[in-house]
N, C-alpha and C. Protein backbone atom coordinates (compact mmCIF):
# COMPACT_ATOMS: atom_id res chain seq x y z
N MET A 1 27.44 9.01 -7.22
CA MET A 1 26.26 9.02 -8.26
C MET A 1 27.10 8.27 -9.50
N LEU A 2 26.61 7.33 -10.11
CA LEU A 2 27.03 5.99 -11.10
C LEU A 2 26.90 6.92 -12.46
N SER A 3 27.80 6.68 -12.96
CA SER A 3 28.12 7.75 -14.31
C SER A 3 28.45 6.59 -15.79
N VAL A 4 26.76 5.86 -15.56
CA VAL A 4 27.03 5.12 -17.20
C VAL A 4 26.24 5.69 -17.92
N ASP A 5 26.73 5.50 -18.85
CA ASP A 5 26.26 6.56 -20.07
C ASP A 5 24.81 5.50 -20.66
N PRO A 6 23.63 6.08 -20.55
CA PRO A 6 22.62 5.05 -20.97
C PRO A 6 22.45 4.38 -22.25
N ASN A 7 23.47 4.94 -23.28
CA ASN A 7 23.12 4.99 -24.51
C ASN A 7 24.38 3.68 -24.78
N ALA A 8 25.16 3.66 -24.14
CA ALA A 8 26.53 2.23 -24.03
C ALA A 8 26.14 1.40 -23.84
N ARG A 9 26.69 0.16 -24.16
CA ARG A 9 26.53 -1.11 -23.20
C ARG A 9 27.75 -1.47 -22.95
N PRO A 10 27.92 -1.09 -21.45
CA PRO A 10 29.10 -1.54 -20.97
C PRO A 10 28.95 -2.90 -20.15
N GLY A 11 30.30 -3.62 -20.30
CA GLY A 11 30.52 -5.02 -19.99
C GLY A 11 30.70 -4.81 -18.76
N ALA A 12 30.89 -6.33 -18.68
CA ALA A 12 30.54 -6.63 -16.70
C ALA A 12 31.57 -6.05 -15.94
N THR A 13 33.00 -6.26 -16.60
CA THR A 13 33.91 -5.46 -16.09
C THR A 13 33.77 -3.64 -15.71
N ASP A 14 33.36 -3.14 -16.90
CA ASP A 14 33.42 -1.53 -16.80
C ASP A 14 31.93 -1.19 -15.47
N LEU A 15 30.97 -2.46 -15.26
CA LEU A 15 30.10 -2.09 -14.04
C LEU A 15 30.69 -2.31 -12.97
N VAL A 16 31.67 -3.44 -12.96
CA VAL A 16 32.07 -3.47 -11.49
C VAL A 16 33.05 -2.80 -10.86
N LYS A 17 33.61 -1.94 -12.17
CA LYS A 17 34.58 -0.84 -11.77
C LYS A 17 33.82 0.38 -11.53
N GLU A 18 32.83 0.68 -12.28
CA GLU A 18 31.84 1.63 -11.55
C GLU A 18 31.04 1.58 -10.54
N PHE A 19 30.39 0.64 -10.20
CA PHE A 19 30.17 -0.10 -9.27
C PHE A 19 31.07 0.18 -7.92
N SER A 20 32.54 -0.18 -8.13
CA SER A 20 33.26 -0.67 -6.75
C SER A 20 33.88 0.80 -6.57
N ALA A 21 33.69 1.78 -7.58
CA ALA A 21 34.29 3.20 -7.65
C ALA A 21 33.24 4.27 -6.33
N ASN A 22 32.11 4.08 -6.84
CA ASN A 22 30.41 4.49 -6.68
C ASN A 22 30.54 3.99 -5.01
N ARG A 23 30.91 2.56 -4.63
CA ARG A 23 30.84 2.05 -3.28
C ARG A 23 31.79 3.02 -2.43
N GLN A 24 33.02 2.68 -2.61
CA GLN A 24 34.41 3.83 -1.93
C GLN A 24 33.80 5.46 -1.91
N LYS A 25 33.57 5.72 -3.05
CA LYS A 25 32.84 7.26 -2.57
C LYS A 25 31.71 7.45 -1.52
N THR A 26 30.84 6.54 -1.53
CA THR A 26 29.83 6.56 -0.90
C THR A 26 30.19 6.21 0.69
N MET A 27 31.37 5.57 1.17
CA MET A 27 31.72 5.13 2.20
C MET A 27 32.57 6.15 2.64
N ALA A 28 33.60 6.84 1.77
CA ALA A 28 34.23 8.28 2.41
C ALA A 28 33.14 8.97 2.63
N GLU A 29 32.16 9.23 2.12
CA GLU A 29 31.02 10.54 2.35
C GLU A 29 29.94 10.22 3.62
N ARG A 30 30.30 9.06 4.42
CA ARG A 30 29.44 8.41 5.26
C ARG A 30 29.71 9.08 6.47
N PRO A 31 28.40 10.07 7.05
CA PRO A 31 28.78 10.65 8.32
C PRO A 31 29.17 9.94 9.37
N GLN A 32 29.95 10.43 10.16
CA GLN A 32 30.49 9.84 11.28
C GLN A 32 29.38 9.00 12.15
N ASN A 33 28.48 10.02 12.37
CA ASN A 33 27.30 9.54 13.21
C ASN A 33 26.66 8.24 13.15
N VAL A 34 26.87 7.83 11.89
CA VAL A 34 26.07 6.83 11.50
C VAL A 34 27.09 5.29 11.62
N GLN A 35 26.72 4.55 12.32
CA GLN A 35 27.22 3.07 12.75
C GLN A 35 26.17 2.03 11.92
N ILE A 36 26.87 0.94 11.33
CA ILE A 36 26.49 -0.19 11.05
C ILE A 36 27.17 -1.18 11.40
N TYR A 37 25.97 -1.98 12.31
CA TYR A 37 26.52 -3.05 12.73
C TYR A 37 26.39 -4.38 12.43
N GLN A 38 27.73 -5.15 11.82
CA GLN A 38 27.57 -5.98 10.74
C GLN A 38 27.05 -7.27 11.67
N GLU A 39 27.64 -7.45 12.97
CA GLU A 39 27.50 -8.75 13.90
C GLU A 39 26.00 -8.49 14.77
N PHE A 40 24.66 -8.76 14.33
CA PHE A 40 23.77 -8.32 14.77
C PHE A 40 23.62 -9.64 16.20
N GLN A 41 23.82 -10.06 16.34
CA GLN A 41 23.46 -10.80 17.52
C GLN A 41 24.60 -10.50 18.64
N THR A 42 25.37 -9.72 18.81
CA THR A 42 25.93 -9.25 19.95
C THR A 42 25.60 -7.62 19.26
N PHE A 43 24.35 -7.42 20.13
CA PHE A 43 23.90 -5.83 20.25
C PHE A 43 23.68 -5.22 21.62
N SER A 44 24.10 -6.28 22.48
CA SER A 44 23.66 -5.98 23.90
C SER A 44 24.16 -4.50 24.38
N GLU A 45 25.43 -4.21 23.87
CA GLU A 45 25.97 -3.06 24.27
C GLU A 45 25.50 -2.04 23.75
N HIS A 46 24.67 -2.14 22.81
CA HIS A 46 23.75 -0.89 21.70
C HIS A 46 22.59 -1.05 22.15
N THR A 47 21.64 -1.39 23.29
CA THR A 47 20.43 -1.24 23.87
C THR A 47 19.65 0.09 23.58
N GLU A 48 20.54 1.11 23.99
CA GLU A 48 20.22 2.47 24.15
C GLU A 48 19.64 2.90 22.64
N ALA A 49 20.34 2.27 21.52
CA ALA A 49 19.88 2.88 20.46
C ALA A 49 18.70 1.88 19.76
N LEU A 50 18.51 0.44 20.20
CA LEU A 50 17.03 0.37 20.26
C LEU A 50 16.31 0.38 20.83
N SER A 51 16.13 1.06 21.85
CA SER A 51 15.00 1.62 22.72
C SER A 51 14.32 2.56 21.95
N ALA A 52 14.51 3.29 20.71
CA ALA A 52 13.80 4.49 20.04
C ALA A 52 12.03 4.47 20.28
N SER A 53 12.01 5.93 20.63
CA SER A 53 10.90 6.10 20.51
C SER A 53 9.77 5.44 19.41
N LEU A 54 8.53 4.82 19.18
CA LEU A 54 8.02 4.07 18.31
C LEU A 54 6.61 4.91 17.49
N THR A 55 7.06 5.97 18.44
CA THR A 55 5.81 7.47 17.97
C THR A 55 5.06 7.30 16.57
N ALA A 56 6.55 7.78 16.00
CA ALA A 56 6.89 7.94 14.64
C ALA A 56 6.32 6.94 13.77
N ILE A 57 6.34 5.52 13.95
CA ILE A 57 5.92 4.48 13.16
C ILE A 57 4.77 4.20 13.13
N SER A 58 4.20 3.95 11.73
CA SER A 58 2.86 4.33 11.35
C SER A 58 2.67 2.82 11.23
N LEU A 59 1.35 1.79 12.11
CA LEU A 59 1.54 0.62 11.91
C LEU A 59 0.47 0.38 11.02
N LEU A 60 -0.05 -0.78 10.32
CA LEU A 60 -1.36 -1.48 9.34
C LEU A 60 -2.36 -1.31 10.31
N PRO A 61 -3.65 -1.10 9.71
CA PRO A 61 -4.61 -1.87 10.71
C PRO A 61 -4.86 -3.03 10.56
N THR A 62 -5.62 -4.10 11.32
CA THR A 62 -5.83 -5.31 10.77
C THR A 62 -7.06 -4.99 10.25
N ARG A 63 -7.65 -6.28 9.68
CA ARG A 63 -8.68 -6.17 9.08
C ARG A 63 -9.74 -6.44 9.59
N GLU A 64 -9.83 -6.98 11.05
CA GLU A 64 -10.79 -6.74 11.77
C GLU A 64 -11.08 -5.00 12.00
N GLU A 65 -10.24 -4.45 12.34
CA GLU A 65 -10.36 -2.76 12.53
C GLU A 65 -10.85 -2.39 11.32
N LEU A 66 -10.18 -2.62 10.19
CA LEU A 66 -11.10 -1.89 8.95
C LEU A 66 -12.35 -2.40 9.01
N LEU A 67 -12.62 -3.94 9.13
CA LEU A 67 -14.03 -4.06 8.96
C LEU A 67 -14.92 -3.25 9.74
N ALA A 68 -14.77 -3.36 11.15
CA ALA A 68 -15.51 -2.34 11.92
C ALA A 68 -15.50 -0.71 11.60
N ALA A 69 -14.17 -0.69 10.99
CA ALA A 69 -14.17 1.04 10.49
C ALA A 69 -15.25 1.35 9.22
N ILE A 70 -15.38 0.05 8.38
CA ILE A 70 -16.42 0.04 7.28
C ILE A 70 -17.70 -0.20 7.53
N GLY A 71 -17.88 -0.65 8.74
CA GLY A 71 -19.61 -0.65 9.26
C GLY A 71 -19.92 0.21 10.19
N ALA A 72 -18.62 1.33 10.22
CA ALA A 72 -19.40 3.21 11.13
C ALA A 72 -19.29 3.82 9.36
N ASP A 73 -18.83 3.53 8.48
CA ASP A 73 -18.44 4.26 7.32
C ASP A 73 -18.52 3.45 5.94
N PRO A 74 -19.85 2.79 5.63
CA PRO A 74 -19.61 2.01 4.48
C PRO A 74 -19.53 2.41 3.12
N PHE A 75 -19.58 3.28 3.36
CA PHE A 75 -19.76 4.37 1.80
C PHE A 75 -18.01 5.07 1.46
N ASN A 76 -17.18 4.90 2.53
CA ASN A 76 -15.70 5.15 2.30
C ASN A 76 -14.89 3.95 1.62
N PHE A 77 -14.61 4.51 0.41
CA PHE A 77 -13.96 3.72 -0.75
C PHE A 77 -12.33 3.18 0.40
N TRP A 78 -12.28 4.09 0.43
CA TRP A 78 -10.65 3.88 1.24
C TRP A 78 -10.63 2.56 2.05
N LEU A 79 -11.18 2.73 3.02
CA LEU A 79 -11.84 1.48 4.15
C LEU A 79 -11.24 0.29 3.02
N TRP A 80 -12.39 0.41 2.27
CA TRP A 80 -12.72 -0.83 1.39
C TRP A 80 -11.43 -1.34 0.63
N HIS A 81 -10.79 -0.75 0.08
CA HIS A 81 -9.41 -0.21 -0.82
C HIS A 81 -8.15 -1.27 0.36
N ALA A 82 -8.62 -0.75 1.19
CA ALA A 82 -7.09 -1.05 2.47
C ALA A 82 -7.51 -2.37 2.92
N HIS A 83 -8.73 -2.87 2.94
CA HIS A 83 -9.21 -4.04 3.52
C HIS A 83 -8.75 -4.99 2.22
N SER A 84 -9.42 -4.73 1.18
CA SER A 84 -8.58 -5.68 0.24
C SER A 84 -7.31 -5.83 -0.24
N SER A 85 -6.63 -4.56 -0.31
CA SER A 85 -5.27 -4.74 0.04
C SER A 85 -4.46 -5.62 0.78
N LEU A 86 -5.02 -5.66 2.11
CA LEU A 86 -4.60 -6.24 3.26
C LEU A 86 -4.86 -7.84 2.75
N CYS A 87 -6.18 -8.25 2.46
CA CYS A 87 -6.35 -9.83 1.95
C CYS A 87 -5.79 -10.02 0.65
N ALA A 88 -5.10 -9.06 0.34
CA ALA A 88 -4.18 -9.60 -1.49
C ALA A 88 -3.06 -9.90 -0.62
N ARG A 89 -2.05 -8.90 0.33
CA ARG A 89 -1.18 -9.17 0.95
C ARG A 89 -0.67 -10.35 1.38
N ASP A 90 -2.46 -10.67 1.86
CA ASP A 90 -2.15 -12.04 2.79
C ASP A 90 -2.78 -13.33 1.58
N ASN A 91 -2.88 -13.04 0.26
CA ASN A 91 -3.19 -14.05 -0.68
C ASN A 91 -4.40 -14.46 -0.36
N ASP A 92 -5.07 -14.08 0.14
CA ASP A 92 -6.59 -13.81 0.62
C ASP A 92 -7.66 -13.31 -0.30
N LEU A 93 -7.41 -13.58 -1.63
CA LEU A 93 -8.57 -12.62 -2.32
C LEU A 93 -10.16 -13.45 -2.27
N ASP A 94 -9.86 -14.62 -2.00
CA ASP A 94 -11.42 -15.01 -1.98
C ASP A 94 -11.91 -14.34 -0.56
N GLY A 95 -11.34 -14.35 0.51
CA GLY A 95 -11.92 -13.64 1.67
C GLY A 95 -12.47 -12.20 1.13
N ALA A 96 -11.45 -11.46 0.74
CA ALA A 96 -11.49 -10.07 0.36
C ALA A 96 -13.35 -9.99 -0.70
N ILE A 97 -13.48 -11.07 -1.48
CA ILE A 97 -14.77 -10.90 -2.89
C ILE A 97 -15.78 -11.33 -2.20
N ASN A 98 -15.44 -12.85 -0.59
CA ASN A 98 -16.29 -12.51 0.22
C ASN A 98 -17.27 -11.60 0.83
N VAL A 99 -16.30 -10.61 1.42
CA VAL A 99 -16.67 -9.66 1.87
C VAL A 99 -17.08 -8.52 1.50
N CYS A 100 -16.60 -8.14 0.33
CA CYS A 100 -17.96 -7.32 -0.48
C CYS A 100 -18.56 -7.95 -1.47
N LYS A 101 -19.20 -9.03 -1.43
CA LYS A 101 -19.92 -9.64 -2.17
C LYS A 101 -21.31 -9.49 -1.32
N ARG A 102 -21.32 -9.92 0.47
CA ARG A 102 -21.55 -9.42 1.09
C ARG A 102 -22.43 -8.28 1.37
N ALA A 103 -21.45 -7.69 1.51
CA ALA A 103 -21.64 -6.37 1.45
C ALA A 103 -22.77 -5.95 0.62
N THR A 104 -22.71 -6.35 -1.09
CA THR A 104 -23.61 -5.67 -2.14
C THR A 104 -24.76 -6.12 -2.09
N LEU A 105 -25.01 -7.40 -1.06
CA LEU A 105 -25.98 -7.98 -1.05
C LEU A 105 -27.18 -7.89 0.18
N GLN A 106 -26.44 -7.27 0.90
CA GLN A 106 -26.93 -7.05 2.30
C GLN A 106 -27.29 -5.38 2.46
N LYS A 107 -26.84 -4.35 3.11
CA LYS A 107 -27.45 -3.44 3.40
C LYS A 107 -26.80 -2.02 2.76
N SER A 108 -26.16 -2.72 1.88
CA SER A 108 -25.06 -1.46 0.92
C SER A 108 -25.22 -1.70 -0.26
N ARG A 109 -26.39 -1.70 -0.68
CA ARG A 109 -27.02 -1.89 -2.04
C ARG A 109 -26.89 -0.01 -2.51
N GLY A 110 -26.18 0.06 -3.92
CA GLY A 110 -25.95 1.29 -4.16
C GLY A 110 -24.80 1.85 -3.74
N ASN A 111 -23.84 0.98 -2.97
CA ASN A 111 -23.07 1.46 -2.29
C ASN A 111 -21.91 1.45 -3.84
N PRO A 112 -20.83 2.37 -4.24
CA PRO A 112 -20.03 1.95 -5.00
C PRO A 112 -19.02 1.32 -4.72
N SER A 113 -18.22 1.70 -3.27
CA SER A 113 -17.34 1.33 -3.21
C SER A 113 -16.76 -0.58 -3.03
N PRO A 114 -17.48 -1.21 -2.62
CA PRO A 114 -17.43 -2.35 -2.52
C PRO A 114 -17.17 -3.23 -3.96
N ILE A 115 -18.03 -2.49 -4.79
CA ILE A 115 -18.58 -2.98 -5.92
C ILE A 115 -16.81 -2.55 -6.94
N MET A 116 -16.24 -1.29 -6.68
CA MET A 116 -15.24 -1.33 -7.40
C MET A 116 -14.48 -2.11 -6.80
N GLU A 117 -13.93 -1.96 -5.72
CA GLU A 117 -13.29 -3.35 -5.47
C GLU A 117 -13.69 -4.76 -5.68
N LEU A 118 -14.59 -5.24 -5.76
CA LEU A 118 -14.84 -6.50 -6.51
C LEU A 118 -14.61 -6.56 -8.04
N LEU A 119 -14.81 -5.44 -8.86
CA LEU A 119 -14.19 -5.32 -10.26
C LEU A 119 -12.48 -5.00 -9.96
N ASN A 120 -12.02 -4.50 -9.22
CA ASN A 120 -10.56 -4.63 -9.22
C ASN A 120 -10.12 -6.29 -8.76
N LEU A 121 -10.55 -7.25 -8.08
CA LEU A 121 -10.21 -8.03 -7.07
C LEU A 121 -10.48 -9.31 -8.69
N HIS A 122 -11.64 -9.26 -8.96
CA HIS A 122 -11.99 -10.37 -10.06
C HIS A 122 -10.89 -9.96 -11.37
N ALA A 123 -10.67 -8.67 -11.59
CA ALA A 123 -9.49 -8.39 -12.78
C ALA A 123 -8.26 -9.10 -11.96
N ALA A 124 -7.74 -8.45 -10.72
CA ALA A 124 -6.26 -9.44 -10.35
C ALA A 124 -6.14 -10.37 -10.48
N ARG A 125 -7.43 -10.88 -10.34
CA ARG A 125 -7.61 -13.15 -10.49
C ARG A 125 -7.83 -12.88 -12.24
N GLY A 126 -7.90 -12.31 -13.27
CA GLY A 126 -7.91 -12.83 -14.26
C GLY A 126 -9.55 -13.19 -14.69
N GLU A 127 -10.19 -12.77 -14.00
CA GLU A 127 -11.77 -12.94 -14.27
C GLU A 127 -11.96 -11.86 -14.83
N TYR A 128 -11.92 -11.51 -15.75
CA TYR A 128 -12.18 -10.48 -16.51
C TYR A 128 -13.50 -10.44 -17.13
N PRO A 129 -14.50 -11.35 -17.36
CA PRO A 129 -15.96 -11.59 -17.39
C PRO A 129 -16.62 -10.76 -16.23
N MET A 130 -16.62 -11.20 -15.08
CA MET A 130 -16.69 -10.68 -13.42
C MET A 130 -16.69 -9.01 -13.63
N ALA A 131 -15.33 -8.88 -13.66
CA ALA A 131 -14.92 -7.97 -13.83
C ALA A 131 -16.33 -6.64 -14.22
N VAL A 132 -16.07 -7.40 -15.82
CA VAL A 132 -16.55 -6.12 -16.50
C VAL A 132 -18.08 -5.86 -15.96
N GLN A 133 -18.99 -7.38 -15.42
CA GLN A 133 -20.04 -6.94 -14.78
C GLN A 133 -20.43 -6.47 -13.76
N TYR A 134 -19.26 -6.18 -12.80
CA TYR A 134 -19.11 -4.97 -12.13
C TYR A 134 -19.43 -4.08 -12.38
N GLY A 135 -18.49 -3.74 -13.53
CA GLY A 135 -18.14 -2.38 -14.08
C GLY A 135 -19.46 -1.93 -14.21
N LEU A 136 -19.85 -2.81 -15.37
CA LEU A 136 -21.38 -2.39 -15.59
C LEU A 136 -22.74 -2.02 -14.69
N GLU A 137 -22.33 -2.61 -13.56
CA GLU A 137 -23.30 -2.20 -12.26
C GLU A 137 -22.55 -0.96 -11.96
N LEU A 138 -21.64 -0.58 -11.78
CA LEU A 138 -21.16 0.57 -11.73
C LEU A 138 -21.93 2.19 -12.38
N VAL A 139 -21.77 1.42 -13.46
CA VAL A 139 -22.49 2.55 -14.43
C VAL A 139 -24.11 3.06 -13.81
N ARG A 140 -24.46 2.20 -12.99
CA ARG A 140 -26.06 2.54 -13.14
C ARG A 140 -25.92 3.02 -11.67
N ILE A 141 -25.16 3.27 -11.01
CA ILE A 141 -24.56 4.07 -9.68
C ILE A 141 -24.86 5.68 -10.11
N LYS A 142 -25.53 6.01 -9.33
CA LYS A 142 -25.57 7.86 -9.27
C LYS A 142 -24.62 8.45 -8.74
N PRO A 143 -24.00 9.47 -9.68
CA PRO A 143 -22.86 9.96 -9.36
C PRO A 143 -22.69 10.81 -7.50
N PRO A 144 -23.73 11.17 -7.23
CA PRO A 144 -23.41 11.43 -5.95
C PRO A 144 -22.83 10.63 -5.09
N ARG A 145 -23.29 9.32 -5.41
CA ARG A 145 -22.95 8.18 -4.51
C ARG A 145 -21.03 7.98 -4.24
N PHE A 146 -20.87 8.03 -5.84
CA PHE A 146 -19.27 8.19 -5.83
C PHE A 146 -18.37 9.13 -5.01
N GLN A 147 -19.30 10.74 -5.23
CA GLN A 147 -18.38 11.59 -4.44
C GLN A 147 -18.80 11.47 -2.99
N THR A 148 -20.02 10.70 -2.34
CA THR A 148 -19.99 10.00 -0.94
C THR A 148 -18.53 9.43 -0.79
N ALA A 149 -18.44 8.42 -1.61
CA ALA A 149 -17.66 7.13 -1.63
C ALA A 149 -16.23 7.74 -1.41
N LEU A 150 -15.96 8.71 -2.14
CA LEU A 150 -14.45 9.16 -2.61
C LEU A 150 -14.16 10.57 -1.93
N SER A 151 -15.16 10.76 -0.59
CA SER A 151 -14.71 12.38 0.23
C SER A 151 -14.10 11.88 1.13
N PRO A 152 -13.49 13.05 2.03
CA PRO A 152 -13.12 12.58 3.39
C PRO A 152 -13.75 12.14 3.74
N SER A 153 -13.48 11.48 4.90
CA SER A 153 -13.97 10.81 5.56
C SER A 153 -13.85 11.41 7.48
N LYS A 154 -14.67 11.46 7.87
CA LYS A 154 -14.18 11.65 9.48
C LYS A 154 -14.08 10.67 10.49
N SER A 155 -13.65 9.31 10.10
CA SER A 155 -13.06 8.68 10.45
C SER A 155 -11.41 8.65 10.72
N PRO A 156 -11.19 8.61 11.82
CA PRO A 156 -9.26 8.74 12.05
C PRO A 156 -8.86 7.79 11.27
N LEU A 157 -9.48 6.14 11.31
CA LEU A 157 -8.82 5.07 10.71
C LEU A 157 -8.91 5.60 9.06
N ALA A 158 -9.69 6.02 8.66
CA ALA A 158 -9.78 6.61 7.21
C ALA A 158 -9.05 7.20 6.86
N ALA A 159 -8.57 8.52 7.85
CA ALA A 159 -7.96 9.43 7.23
C ALA A 159 -6.64 8.97 7.40
N SER A 160 -6.17 7.83 8.49
CA SER A 160 -4.64 7.87 8.36
C SER A 160 -4.72 6.70 7.21
N VAL A 161 -5.20 5.95 7.18
CA VAL A 161 -5.22 5.13 5.48
C VAL A 161 -5.24 5.88 3.87
N ILE A 162 -5.90 7.16 3.90
CA ILE A 162 -5.63 8.07 3.31
C ILE A 162 -4.56 8.02 3.10
N SER A 163 -4.09 8.85 4.23
CA SER A 163 -2.60 9.80 4.53
C SER A 163 -1.73 8.22 3.95
N ASP A 164 -1.39 7.56 4.39
CA ASP A 164 -0.31 6.77 3.97
C ASP A 164 -0.78 6.10 2.84
N LEU A 165 -1.79 5.84 1.96
CA LEU A 165 -1.97 5.77 0.58
C LEU A 165 -1.30 7.05 -0.49
N THR A 166 -1.63 7.94 0.13
CA THR A 166 -1.06 9.40 -0.88
C THR A 166 0.63 9.58 -0.78
N SER A 167 1.18 9.31 0.93
CA SER A 167 2.14 9.32 0.81
C SER A 167 3.14 8.28 0.21
N LYS A 168 2.11 6.93 -0.25
CA LYS A 168 2.95 5.60 -0.64
C LYS A 168 2.91 6.34 -2.05
N GLU A 169 1.93 7.04 -2.64
CA GLU A 169 2.21 7.24 -4.24
C GLU A 169 2.35 8.60 -4.55
N ALA A 170 3.01 9.17 -3.87
CA ALA A 170 3.90 10.42 -3.99
C ALA A 170 5.36 9.61 -3.78
N SER A 171 5.67 8.68 -3.13
CA SER A 171 7.18 8.17 -2.88
C SER A 171 7.41 7.53 -4.19
N LEU A 172 6.29 6.70 -4.93
CA LEU A 172 6.95 5.84 -6.24
C LEU A 172 7.02 6.95 -7.32
N ASN A 173 5.96 7.75 -7.39
CA ASN A 173 6.26 9.42 -8.23
C ASN A 173 7.40 9.99 -8.25
N LEU A 174 8.27 9.50 -7.46
CA LEU A 174 9.43 10.33 -7.51
C LEU A 174 10.38 10.01 -8.92
């Protein structure tokens, strides 16, 4: 562990010495069964290490899978949030906004989930008057609708999305 005094203003030379000492100590403490391959192109002799089981890997759902799940459980906020997050990751806020707007105009009137996402999406784009407009729309929705939107879902996809979101949130609060 680095031992840099947070109140001190160490120079670059001091930091290089501290990081070098930390690296040497870390390298000395490395367990013997850990192998780091520097030449990634020549791994043919290590194919058994690459054929690990993929059952522990959590794969993100696609937008289409999320939209299908939203169709089956339209009040589930976490499905809407996961869909908007995927769109944001793909730099497609317009796509997320269009999906949410269509839902509010069609069968999901009074559903707070797409409206909450519209508020967040417009705020993320810096369109604060639109975000405030959706916030005011949320005020008119009855509280039981919010309970429905934020309650646990029977959908396995929604349960995995919520699990992934809470585990990421927990890791950020370390």
